[in-house]
Protein backbone atom coordinates (compact mmCIF):
# COMPACT_ATOMS: atom_id res chain seq x y z
CA MET A 1 -61.01 64.60 16.44
CA LYS A 2 -64.33 63.09 17.44
CA LEU A 3 -66.90 65.34 19.08
CA THR A 4 -70.48 64.49 19.96
CA CYS A 5 -72.89 67.30 19.17
CA LEU A 6 -74.26 68.29 22.57
CA SER A 7 -77.49 69.46 20.93
CA CYS A 8 -78.50 66.44 18.82
CA GLY A 9 -76.12 63.68 19.98
CA GLN A 10 -74.62 63.05 16.52
CA MET A 11 -70.94 62.10 16.33
CA ASN A 12 -68.82 64.50 14.26
CA ARG A 13 -65.24 64.11 13.05
CA LEU A 14 -63.05 67.12 12.31
CA PRO A 15 -59.37 67.99 12.06
CA GLU A 16 -57.92 69.39 15.30
CA GLU A 17 -56.87 72.60 13.56
CA ARG A 18 -60.57 73.34 12.85
CA LEU A 19 -61.42 73.67 16.56
CA ALA A 20 -60.72 77.40 16.48
CA ALA A 21 -62.82 77.90 13.33
CA ALA A 22 -66.22 77.58 15.07
CA PRO A 23 -67.08 74.09 13.73
CA LYS A 24 -70.74 73.12 13.49
CA CYS A 25 -72.57 69.83 13.66
CA GLY A 26 -73.01 68.23 10.25
CA VAL A 27 -76.58 67.19 11.14
CA CYS A 28 -78.22 70.02 13.13
CA GLY A 29 -75.78 72.92 12.56
CA ALA A 30 -75.29 73.60 16.29
CA PRO A 31 -71.83 74.82 17.35
CA LEU A 32 -69.55 71.94 18.37
CA ILE A 33 -67.52 74.29 20.59
CA PRO A 34 -70.31 76.37 22.16
CA GLU A 35 -69.70 79.68 23.94
CA LYS A 36 -71.96 78.66 26.83
CA PRO A 37 -72.67 75.40 28.66
CA VAL A 38 -75.19 73.18 26.89
CA ALA A 39 -77.99 71.34 28.69
CA VAL A 40 -77.76 67.65 27.79
CA ASP A 41 -79.79 64.52 28.43
CA PHE A 42 -78.48 61.24 29.82
CA GLN A 43 -77.94 59.53 26.44
CA THR A 44 -76.02 62.45 24.93
CA LEU A 45 -73.88 62.79 28.04
CA GLU A 46 -73.07 59.09 28.10
CA LYS A 47 -72.07 59.14 24.42
CA ALA A 48 -69.93 62.30 24.74
CA ALA A 49 -68.25 61.08 27.95
CA LYS A 50 -67.24 57.81 26.26
CA SER A 51 -66.10 59.03 22.87
CA ASP A 52 -65.15 62.73 22.72
CA ASP A 53 -61.51 63.67 22.14
CA LEU A 54 -61.87 67.11 23.79
CA PRO A 55 -62.29 67.19 27.60
CA LEU A 56 -65.90 67.52 28.75
CA LEU A 57 -66.75 69.22 32.04
CA VAL A 58 -70.24 68.40 33.29
CA ASP A 59 -72.23 70.28 35.94
CA TYR A 60 -74.74 68.05 37.74
CA TRP A 61 -77.44 70.36 39.08
CA ALA A 62 -81.15 70.70 39.88
CA PRO A 63 -83.53 73.68 39.53
CA TRP A 64 -84.49 73.62 43.24
CA CYS A 65 -80.84 73.80 44.39
CA GLY A 66 -79.83 77.31 45.56
CA PRO A 67 -76.05 76.76 45.26
CA CYS A 68 -76.62 75.31 41.77
CA ARG A 69 -78.47 78.45 40.67
CA MET A 70 -75.72 80.63 42.16
CA MET A 71 -73.11 78.54 40.31
CA ALA A 72 -74.78 78.88 36.89
CA PRO A 73 -73.27 82.29 35.94
CA GLU A 74 -69.82 81.15 37.13
CA PHE A 75 -70.08 77.97 35.07
CA GLU A 76 -71.03 80.09 32.07
CA LYS A 77 -67.95 82.31 32.61
CA ALA A 78 -65.79 79.20 32.84
CA ALA A 79 -67.14 78.02 29.46
CA GLY A 80 -65.84 81.20 27.83
CA LEU A 81 -62.46 80.92 29.54
CA LEU A 82 -62.04 77.27 28.53
CA LYS A 83 -63.28 77.61 24.95
CA GLY A 84 -61.24 75.33 22.71
CA GLN A 85 -59.65 73.56 25.71
CA ALA A 86 -62.79 71.86 27.05
CA ARG A 87 -66.52 71.83 26.44
CA LEU A 88 -68.99 72.46 29.25
CA ALA A 89 -72.33 70.75 29.66
CA LYS A 90 -75.06 70.74 32.32
CA ILE A 91 -77.35 67.90 33.26
CA ASP A 92 -80.48 68.37 35.33
CA THR A 93 -80.37 65.55 37.89
CA GLU A 94 -84.09 65.86 38.55
CA ARG A 95 -84.99 65.20 34.89
CA ASN A 96 -82.15 62.70 34.39
CA PRO A 97 -81.99 60.54 37.55
CA ASP A 98 -80.13 57.83 35.58
CA ALA A 99 -77.14 60.20 35.36
CA THR A 100 -77.13 60.58 39.14
CA VAL A 101 -77.08 56.82 39.58
CA ARG A 102 -74.62 56.13 36.73
CA TRP A 103 -71.98 58.55 38.07
CA ASN A 104 -72.81 58.10 41.77
CA ILE A 105 -73.68 61.75 42.43
CA ARG A 106 -74.30 62.23 46.17
CA GLY A 107 -74.62 66.02 46.33
CA ILE A 108 -75.03 68.94 43.96
CA PRO A 109 -73.62 71.00 42.43
CA ALA A 110 -71.07 68.39 41.36
CA PHE A 111 -68.61 68.55 38.48
CA ILE A 112 -67.04 65.66 36.58
CA LEU A 113 -64.31 66.09 34.00
CA PHE A 114 -64.30 63.41 31.30
CA ARG A 115 -61.36 62.85 28.97
CA ASP A 116 -60.33 59.97 26.70
CA GLY A 117 -63.50 58.03 27.43
CA ARG A 118 -63.35 58.04 31.21
CA GLU A 119 -63.84 60.15 34.30
CA ARG A 120 -60.61 62.04 35.06
CA ALA A 121 -61.57 64.16 38.06
CA ARG A 122 -64.49 65.12 40.28
CA LEU A 123 -65.26 68.24 42.29
CA SER A 124 -68.26 69.18 44.41
CA GLY A 125 -69.66 72.45 45.68
CA ALA A 126 -70.12 75.87 44.10
CA ARG A 127 -66.88 77.55 42.97
CA PRO A 128 -65.89 80.80 41.28
CA ALA A 129 -65.20 80.48 37.55
CA GLY A 130 -61.46 81.06 38.03
CA GLN A 131 -61.16 78.15 40.47
CA LEU A 132 -63.07 75.86 38.14
CA VAL A 133 -60.90 76.84 35.16
CA GLU A 134 -57.69 76.34 37.13
CA TRP A 135 -58.91 72.92 38.34
CA VAL A 136 -59.69 71.81 34.76
CA ARG A 137 -56.29 72.98 33.50
CA GLN A 138 -54.51 71.15 36.34
CA GLN A 139 -56.10 67.89 35.22
CA GLY A 140 -54.09 68.14 31.98
């Protein structure tokens, strides 16, 4: 499997059976399957969205957005529930306006699920962790 380190952006290759063994990045040592969502920049997100073999769920948010702040603990819960099935990342749309333009984000919070190098599904609005997890699992 190919996984982009969400901390340093380095591509890592590992056998699928190692996913449950807490694999770490060969360059920076960060967990490749983190327990919590990881804040990413535009370049790292673009690379991971195009090349990762494990689904990537991205939360597009901004610090001034009340619903985004309310959604943060639910998104963190979802990361724990989806561990090994998908990785969760967050991108601050205020600091990374290119991401907003690139993926045509019109409102936040917004969620995009990437798989096999392309966008698979999109959801907007704050949701409980259980709804988010169920939505990701339905996307197969």
